[in-house]
N, C-alpha and C. Protein backbone atom coordinates (compact mmCIF):
# COMPACT_ATOMS: atom_id res chain seq x y z
N MET A 1 0.84 -1.18 0.01
CA MET A 1 0.00 0.00 0.01
C MET A 1 0.89 1.25 0.01
N THR A 2 0.50 2.21 -0.83
CA THR A 2 1.26 3.47 -0.90
C THR A 2 0.64 4.48 0.05
N VAL A 3 1.50 5.13 0.83
CA VAL A 3 1.07 6.15 1.78
C VAL A 3 1.72 7.47 1.39
N LEU A 4 0.94 8.56 1.37
CA LEU A 4 1.46 9.89 1.08
C LEU A 4 1.59 10.66 2.39
N GLN A 5 2.73 11.34 2.52
CA GLN A 5 2.97 12.17 3.71
C GLN A 5 3.50 13.52 3.30
N ASN A 6 3.00 14.58 3.93
CA ASN A 6 3.56 15.91 3.78
C ASN A 6 4.63 16.01 4.87
N VAL A 7 5.89 16.18 4.48
CA VAL A 7 6.99 16.12 5.44
C VAL A 7 7.79 17.40 5.47
N SER A 8 8.49 17.63 6.56
CA SER A 8 9.43 18.75 6.64
C SER A 8 10.85 18.24 6.76
N THR A 9 11.03 16.95 6.96
CA THR A 9 12.35 16.31 6.94
C THR A 9 12.18 14.93 6.31
N TRP A 10 13.27 14.42 5.74
CA TRP A 10 13.25 13.06 5.18
C TRP A 10 14.70 12.61 5.00
N ASP A 11 14.90 11.32 4.90
CA ASP A 11 16.23 10.75 4.69
C ASP A 11 16.82 11.27 3.38
N ALA A 12 17.97 11.91 3.49
CA ALA A 12 18.61 12.54 2.32
C ALA A 12 18.93 11.53 1.24
N ASP A 13 19.41 10.34 1.60
CA ASP A 13 19.79 9.35 0.60
C ASP A 13 18.57 8.91 -0.22
N GLU A 14 17.41 8.79 0.41
CA GLU A 14 16.22 8.41 -0.33
C GLU A 14 15.78 9.52 -1.28
N ILE A 15 15.89 10.75 -0.85
CA ILE A 15 15.53 11.88 -1.73
C ILE A 15 16.51 11.96 -2.90
N VAL A 16 17.79 11.77 -2.62
CA VAL A 16 18.79 11.77 -3.71
C VAL A 16 18.47 10.67 -4.71
N ALA A 17 18.08 9.50 -4.24
CA ALA A 17 17.74 8.39 -5.14
C ALA A 17 16.55 8.78 -6.02
N LEU A 18 15.58 9.50 -5.49
CA LEU A 18 14.45 9.94 -6.28
C LEU A 18 14.87 10.99 -7.30
N TYR A 19 15.71 11.93 -6.91
CA TYR A 19 16.22 12.91 -7.87
C TYR A 19 17.00 12.22 -8.97
N ARG A 20 17.78 11.20 -8.63
CA ARG A 20 18.50 10.45 -9.66
C ARG A 20 17.53 9.75 -10.60
N ALA A 21 16.46 9.18 -10.04
CA ALA A 21 15.46 8.47 -10.87
C ALA A 21 14.82 9.45 -11.86
N GLY A 22 14.69 10.71 -11.49
CA GLY A 22 14.13 11.71 -12.38
C GLY A 22 15.15 12.27 -13.35
N GLY A 23 16.43 11.90 -13.17
CA GLY A 23 17.48 12.41 -14.05
C GLY A 23 17.89 13.83 -13.69
N TRP A 24 17.59 14.27 -12.47
CA TRP A 24 17.82 15.65 -12.10
C TRP A 24 19.02 15.86 -11.19
N TRP A 25 19.58 14.82 -10.63
CA TRP A 25 20.67 14.97 -9.66
C TRP A 25 21.98 15.25 -10.37
N LYS A 26 22.66 16.28 -9.93
CA LYS A 26 23.98 16.61 -10.47
C LYS A 26 25.03 16.15 -9.46
N GLU A 27 26.03 15.48 -9.93
CA GLU A 27 27.02 14.87 -9.03
C GLU A 27 27.77 15.89 -8.19
N GLU A 28 27.82 17.14 -8.64
CA GLU A 28 28.50 18.15 -7.81
C GLU A 28 27.64 18.58 -6.60
N TRP A 29 26.36 18.21 -6.60
CA TRP A 29 25.52 18.52 -5.45
C TRP A 29 25.83 17.56 -4.30
N THR A 30 25.47 17.94 -3.11
CA THR A 30 25.72 17.07 -1.95
C THR A 30 24.42 16.79 -1.21
N PRO A 31 24.32 15.63 -0.57
CA PRO A 31 23.12 15.30 0.18
C PRO A 31 22.81 16.30 1.30
N GLU A 32 23.79 17.06 1.74
CA GLU A 32 23.56 18.05 2.79
C GLU A 32 22.56 19.12 2.35
N GLY A 33 22.38 19.31 1.06
CA GLY A 33 21.42 20.28 0.57
C GLY A 33 19.98 19.82 0.61
N ILE A 34 19.77 18.54 0.91
CA ILE A 34 18.41 17.99 0.91
C ILE A 34 17.58 18.54 2.07
N ALA A 35 18.14 18.60 3.27
CA ALA A 35 17.36 19.04 4.44
C ALA A 35 16.77 20.43 4.23
N PRO A 36 17.53 21.44 3.80
CA PRO A 36 16.91 22.76 3.60
C PRO A 36 15.95 22.76 2.41
N LEU A 37 16.20 21.93 1.41
CA LEU A 37 15.28 21.84 0.26
C LEU A 37 13.92 21.35 0.71
N VAL A 38 13.90 20.29 1.52
CA VAL A 38 12.63 19.73 2.01
C VAL A 38 11.95 20.73 2.96
N ALA A 39 12.72 21.21 3.94
CA ALA A 39 12.15 22.11 4.95
C ALA A 39 11.68 23.44 4.34
N GLY A 40 12.34 23.90 3.30
CA GLY A 40 11.99 25.19 2.70
C GLY A 40 10.87 25.13 1.68
N SER A 41 10.40 23.94 1.37
CA SER A 41 9.30 23.82 0.41
C SER A 41 7.97 24.19 1.08
N PHE A 42 7.06 24.75 0.33
CA PHE A 42 5.74 25.08 0.82
C PHE A 42 5.02 23.76 1.21
N CYS A 43 5.23 22.76 0.42
CA CYS A 43 4.67 21.43 0.65
C CYS A 43 5.62 20.41 0.03
N PHE A 44 5.99 19.37 0.75
CA PHE A 44 6.86 18.32 0.23
C PHE A 44 6.18 16.99 0.52
N ILE A 45 5.73 16.34 -0.52
CA ILE A 45 5.00 15.07 -0.41
C ILE A 45 5.96 13.92 -0.69
N VAL A 46 5.98 12.93 0.18
CA VAL A 46 6.74 11.70 -0.05
C VAL A 46 5.74 10.55 -0.10
N ALA A 47 5.84 9.71 -1.12
CA ALA A 47 5.05 8.50 -1.22
C ALA A 47 5.90 7.35 -0.74
N THR A 48 5.37 6.56 0.18
CA THR A 48 6.12 5.44 0.72
C THR A 48 5.36 4.13 0.52
N GLU A 49 6.13 3.08 0.41
CA GLU A 49 5.59 1.71 0.45
C GLU A 49 6.44 1.00 1.48
N GLY A 50 5.83 0.61 2.59
CA GLY A 50 6.60 0.09 3.70
C GLY A 50 7.46 1.22 4.25
N GLU A 51 8.74 0.97 4.39
CA GLU A 51 9.66 1.97 4.92
C GLU A 51 10.39 2.74 3.83
N ARG A 52 10.07 2.44 2.57
CA ARG A 52 10.85 2.99 1.45
C ARG A 52 10.10 4.09 0.73
N ALA A 53 10.80 5.20 0.42
CA ALA A 53 10.22 6.27 -0.40
C ALA A 53 10.23 5.81 -1.84
N VAL A 54 9.08 5.88 -2.50
CA VAL A 54 8.96 5.47 -3.90
C VAL A 54 8.61 6.63 -4.82
N GLY A 55 8.30 7.79 -4.25
CA GLY A 55 7.97 8.95 -5.05
C GLY A 55 7.98 10.20 -4.21
N MET A 56 7.98 11.35 -4.89
CA MET A 56 7.95 12.63 -4.19
C MET A 56 7.47 13.72 -5.14
N GLY A 57 7.16 14.86 -4.56
CA GLY A 57 6.85 16.05 -5.32
C GLY A 57 6.81 17.21 -4.32
N ARG A 58 7.00 18.43 -4.83
CA ARG A 58 6.96 19.55 -3.92
C ARG A 58 6.33 20.76 -4.57
N ALA A 59 5.86 21.66 -3.72
CA ALA A 59 5.30 22.94 -4.16
C ALA A 59 6.16 24.06 -3.57
N ILE A 60 6.40 25.06 -4.39
CA ILE A 60 7.11 26.25 -3.98
C ILE A 60 6.11 27.39 -4.04
N SER A 61 5.99 28.17 -2.96
CA SER A 61 5.00 29.24 -2.93
C SER A 61 5.30 30.22 -1.81
N ASP A 62 4.75 31.45 -1.96
CA ASP A 62 4.78 32.40 -0.84
C ASP A 62 3.56 32.20 0.06
N GLY A 63 2.67 31.30 -0.36
CA GLY A 63 1.49 31.01 0.43
C GLY A 63 0.35 32.00 0.28
N CYS A 64 0.54 32.99 -0.59
CA CYS A 64 -0.47 34.05 -0.76
C CYS A 64 -1.11 34.07 -2.14
N SER A 65 -0.31 33.91 -3.19
CA SER A 65 -0.84 34.17 -4.52
C SER A 65 -0.77 32.98 -5.47
N ASP A 66 0.36 32.33 -5.57
CA ASP A 66 0.49 31.26 -6.54
C ASP A 66 1.47 30.21 -6.04
N ALA A 67 1.54 29.10 -6.77
CA ALA A 67 2.43 28.01 -6.42
C ALA A 67 2.97 27.37 -7.68
N TYR A 68 4.18 26.90 -7.58
CA TYR A 68 4.82 26.14 -8.65
C TYR A 68 5.08 24.73 -8.13
N LEU A 69 4.65 23.75 -8.90
CA LEU A 69 4.90 22.36 -8.55
C LEU A 69 6.13 21.90 -9.27
N GLN A 70 6.96 21.15 -8.58
CA GLN A 70 8.18 20.67 -9.23
C GLN A 70 8.67 19.38 -8.57
N ASP A 71 9.64 18.78 -9.25
CA ASP A 71 10.31 17.59 -8.74
C ASP A 71 9.36 16.43 -8.46
N ILE A 72 8.34 16.27 -9.29
CA ILE A 72 7.41 15.15 -9.14
C ILE A 72 8.02 13.95 -9.85
N VAL A 73 8.30 12.91 -9.07
CA VAL A 73 8.96 11.74 -9.63
C VAL A 73 8.55 10.49 -8.85
N VAL A 74 8.50 9.36 -9.56
CA VAL A 74 8.24 8.05 -8.96
C VAL A 74 9.33 7.11 -9.44
N LEU A 75 9.81 6.26 -8.55
CA LEU A 75 10.82 5.28 -8.96
C LEU A 75 10.32 4.48 -10.17
N PRO A 76 11.21 4.21 -11.14
CA PRO A 76 10.78 3.49 -12.36
C PRO A 76 10.00 2.21 -12.10
N ALA A 77 10.41 1.42 -11.12
CA ALA A 77 9.74 0.15 -10.84
C ALA A 77 8.33 0.33 -10.29
N CYS A 78 8.00 1.54 -9.86
CA CYS A 78 6.69 1.81 -9.25
C CYS A 78 5.79 2.65 -10.13
N ARG A 79 6.23 2.99 -11.33
CA ARG A 79 5.44 3.85 -12.22
C ARG A 79 4.26 3.09 -12.81
N GLY A 80 3.27 3.85 -13.25
CA GLY A 80 2.10 3.26 -13.92
C GLY A 80 1.05 2.75 -12.95
N ARG A 81 1.19 3.08 -11.68
CA ARG A 81 0.24 2.61 -10.68
C ARG A 81 -0.55 3.76 -10.03
N GLY A 82 -0.42 4.96 -10.57
CA GLY A 82 -1.17 6.09 -10.05
C GLY A 82 -0.51 6.85 -8.92
N ILE A 83 0.74 6.50 -8.60
CA ILE A 83 1.42 7.18 -7.51
C ILE A 83 1.73 8.63 -7.87
N GLY A 84 2.22 8.85 -9.07
CA GLY A 84 2.52 10.22 -9.50
C GLY A 84 1.26 11.09 -9.50
N ALA A 85 0.15 10.54 -9.98
CA ALA A 85 -1.12 11.30 -9.96
C ALA A 85 -1.54 11.60 -8.54
N ALA A 86 -1.37 10.65 -7.63
CA ALA A 86 -1.75 10.86 -6.23
C ALA A 86 -0.89 11.96 -5.60
N ILE A 87 0.40 11.97 -5.91
CA ILE A 87 1.30 13.02 -5.41
C ILE A 87 0.85 14.36 -5.94
N LEU A 88 0.61 14.43 -7.23
CA LEU A 88 0.16 15.69 -7.85
C LEU A 88 -1.15 16.18 -7.23
N GLU A 89 -2.10 15.28 -7.06
CA GLU A 89 -3.40 15.66 -6.47
C GLU A 89 -3.22 16.14 -5.04
N ALA A 90 -2.31 15.53 -4.28
CA ALA A 90 -2.06 15.96 -2.89
C ALA A 90 -1.46 17.37 -2.86
N LEU A 91 -0.53 17.62 -3.76
CA LEU A 91 0.08 18.97 -3.85
C LEU A 91 -0.96 20.03 -4.21
N VAL A 92 -1.78 19.73 -5.21
CA VAL A 92 -2.81 20.67 -5.63
C VAL A 92 -3.80 20.92 -4.49
N ALA A 93 -4.22 19.85 -3.82
CA ALA A 93 -5.17 19.99 -2.71
C ALA A 93 -4.58 20.85 -1.59
N PHE A 94 -3.32 20.63 -1.26
CA PHE A 94 -2.66 21.42 -0.22
C PHE A 94 -2.69 22.89 -0.58
N CYS A 95 -2.36 23.20 -1.82
CA CYS A 95 -2.33 24.61 -2.26
C CYS A 95 -3.73 25.21 -2.28
N ARG A 96 -4.71 24.47 -2.81
CA ARG A 96 -6.08 24.99 -2.87
C ARG A 96 -6.66 25.22 -1.47
N GLU A 97 -6.36 24.30 -0.54
CA GLU A 97 -6.85 24.45 0.83
C GLU A 97 -6.33 25.75 1.47
N ARG A 98 -5.26 26.26 0.97
CA ARG A 98 -4.67 27.50 1.50
C ARG A 98 -5.02 28.71 0.65
N GLY A 99 -5.99 28.55 -0.26
CA GLY A 99 -6.51 29.66 -1.03
C GLY A 99 -5.75 29.99 -2.31
N LEU A 100 -4.78 29.18 -2.68
CA LEU A 100 -4.03 29.45 -3.90
C LEU A 100 -4.81 28.97 -5.11
N THR A 101 -4.91 29.80 -6.11
CA THR A 101 -5.69 29.43 -7.31
C THR A 101 -4.81 29.32 -8.55
N TRP A 102 -3.65 29.98 -8.57
CA TRP A 102 -2.72 29.86 -9.70
C TRP A 102 -1.68 28.83 -9.33
N ILE A 103 -1.78 27.67 -9.95
CA ILE A 103 -0.85 26.57 -9.67
C ILE A 103 -0.26 26.13 -10.99
N GLY A 104 1.05 26.27 -11.15
CA GLY A 104 1.69 25.97 -12.40
C GLY A 104 2.86 25.02 -12.23
N LEU A 105 3.39 24.59 -13.38
CA LEU A 105 4.56 23.72 -13.39
C LEU A 105 5.19 23.79 -14.77
N ILE A 106 6.38 23.25 -14.87
CA ILE A 106 7.04 23.10 -16.18
C ILE A 106 7.08 21.60 -16.46
N ALA A 107 6.43 21.18 -17.53
CA ALA A 107 6.36 19.76 -17.86
C ALA A 107 7.56 19.35 -18.72
N GLN A 108 8.16 18.24 -18.36
CA GLN A 108 9.26 17.70 -19.17
C GLN A 108 8.68 17.14 -20.47
N PRO A 109 9.51 17.05 -21.51
CA PRO A 109 9.03 16.43 -22.76
C PRO A 109 8.43 15.05 -22.50
N GLY A 110 7.30 14.82 -23.11
CA GLY A 110 6.63 13.53 -22.98
C GLY A 110 5.65 13.43 -21.80
N THR A 111 5.62 14.44 -20.93
CA THR A 111 4.74 14.37 -19.76
C THR A 111 3.48 15.18 -19.88
N ILE A 112 3.32 15.91 -20.98
CA ILE A 112 2.14 16.78 -21.11
C ILE A 112 0.84 15.98 -20.99
N PRO A 113 0.68 14.81 -21.64
CA PRO A 113 -0.58 14.08 -21.49
C PRO A 113 -0.90 13.73 -20.03
N PHE A 114 0.10 13.38 -19.25
CA PHE A 114 -0.12 13.08 -17.84
C PHE A 114 -0.70 14.29 -17.13
N TYR A 115 -0.08 15.46 -17.32
CA TYR A 115 -0.58 16.66 -16.63
C TYR A 115 -1.92 17.11 -17.17
N GLU A 116 -2.17 16.94 -18.45
CA GLU A 116 -3.48 17.30 -19.00
C GLU A 116 -4.59 16.43 -18.38
N ARG A 117 -4.31 15.14 -18.18
CA ARG A 117 -5.29 14.26 -17.53
C ARG A 117 -5.61 14.74 -16.11
N GLU A 118 -4.66 15.43 -15.51
CA GLU A 118 -4.84 15.92 -14.14
C GLU A 118 -5.38 17.35 -14.09
N GLY A 119 -5.78 17.89 -15.25
CA GLY A 119 -6.42 19.21 -15.28
C GLY A 119 -5.55 20.38 -15.64
N PHE A 120 -4.28 20.14 -15.93
CA PHE A 120 -3.37 21.22 -16.35
C PHE A 120 -3.49 21.43 -17.85
N ALA A 121 -3.21 22.65 -18.29
CA ALA A 121 -3.25 22.98 -19.72
C ALA A 121 -1.98 23.72 -20.10
N VAL A 122 -1.56 23.52 -21.33
CA VAL A 122 -0.39 24.25 -21.86
C VAL A 122 -0.73 25.73 -21.88
N MET A 123 0.20 26.55 -21.44
CA MET A 123 0.01 28.00 -21.45
C MET A 123 0.48 28.53 -22.80
N GLU A 124 -0.43 28.56 -23.76
CA GLU A 124 -0.10 29.03 -25.11
C GLU A 124 0.49 30.42 -25.04
N GLY A 125 1.53 30.64 -25.80
CA GLY A 125 2.15 31.95 -25.87
C GLY A 125 3.14 32.24 -24.74
N HIS A 126 3.32 31.27 -23.85
CA HIS A 126 4.27 31.46 -22.76
C HIS A 126 5.42 30.47 -22.93
N ILE A 127 6.61 30.90 -22.61
CA ILE A 127 7.79 30.04 -22.73
C ILE A 127 8.55 30.09 -21.42
N PRO A 128 8.82 28.92 -20.82
CA PRO A 128 9.62 28.92 -19.59
C PRO A 128 11.05 29.37 -19.92
N MET A 129 11.64 30.07 -18.99
CA MET A 129 13.02 30.55 -19.20
C MET A 129 13.84 30.24 -17.96
N LEU A 130 15.15 30.12 -18.17
CA LEU A 130 16.08 29.81 -17.12
C LEU A 130 17.29 30.69 -17.25
N LEU A 131 17.81 31.18 -16.14
CA LEU A 131 19.00 32.01 -16.16
C LEU A 131 20.12 31.28 -16.88
N GLU A 132 20.69 31.89 -17.88
CA GLU A 132 21.68 31.27 -18.77
C GLU A 132 22.84 30.62 -18.02
N GLU A 133 23.36 31.27 -17.01
CA GLU A 133 24.57 30.77 -16.36
C GLU A 133 24.32 29.42 -15.66
N TYR A 134 23.07 29.08 -15.36
CA TYR A 134 22.78 27.82 -14.70
C TYR A 134 23.22 26.64 -15.54
N HIS A 135 23.00 26.71 -16.84
CA HIS A 135 23.34 25.58 -17.72
C HIS A 135 24.63 25.78 -18.48
N ALA A 136 25.35 26.86 -18.24
CA ALA A 136 26.58 27.13 -18.97
C ALA A 136 27.60 26.00 -18.80
N HIS A 137 27.63 25.41 -17.61
CA HIS A 137 28.62 24.34 -17.37
C HIS A 137 28.20 23.00 -17.98
N ASP A 138 26.95 22.89 -18.46
CA ASP A 138 26.49 21.64 -19.07
C ASP A 138 26.87 21.54 -20.55
N ARG A 139 27.39 22.60 -21.11
CA ARG A 139 27.67 22.61 -22.55
C ARG A 139 29.00 21.98 -22.88
């Protein structure tokens, strides 16, 4: 059985494993950065099966006007069972319960149908942007 928890702390190694599963972990990062990342999120959902984290997602917000959802990932062996949708729904519910109505995210290639099924729509005419220097070392 999968259990969802809104947490303010979690085992750094498990979170790193989830970031790796999403292809987002950079080897120059350290697990010491996980504690402030989790604690500083508006909402941080961890999906567990038994004692093991199998998925996560988080919301970033000032708690007043809008929220951005990010880092939603499920371990590959656990995908296709509705865990990602449950994490997304929990994040949206948390934000809505606090009066937030603008809830957005940046969808990775190939994930748009998943988010559309969950009620999100492409923002026509809008393009996500990232500060150039962030990716300069990836070239």
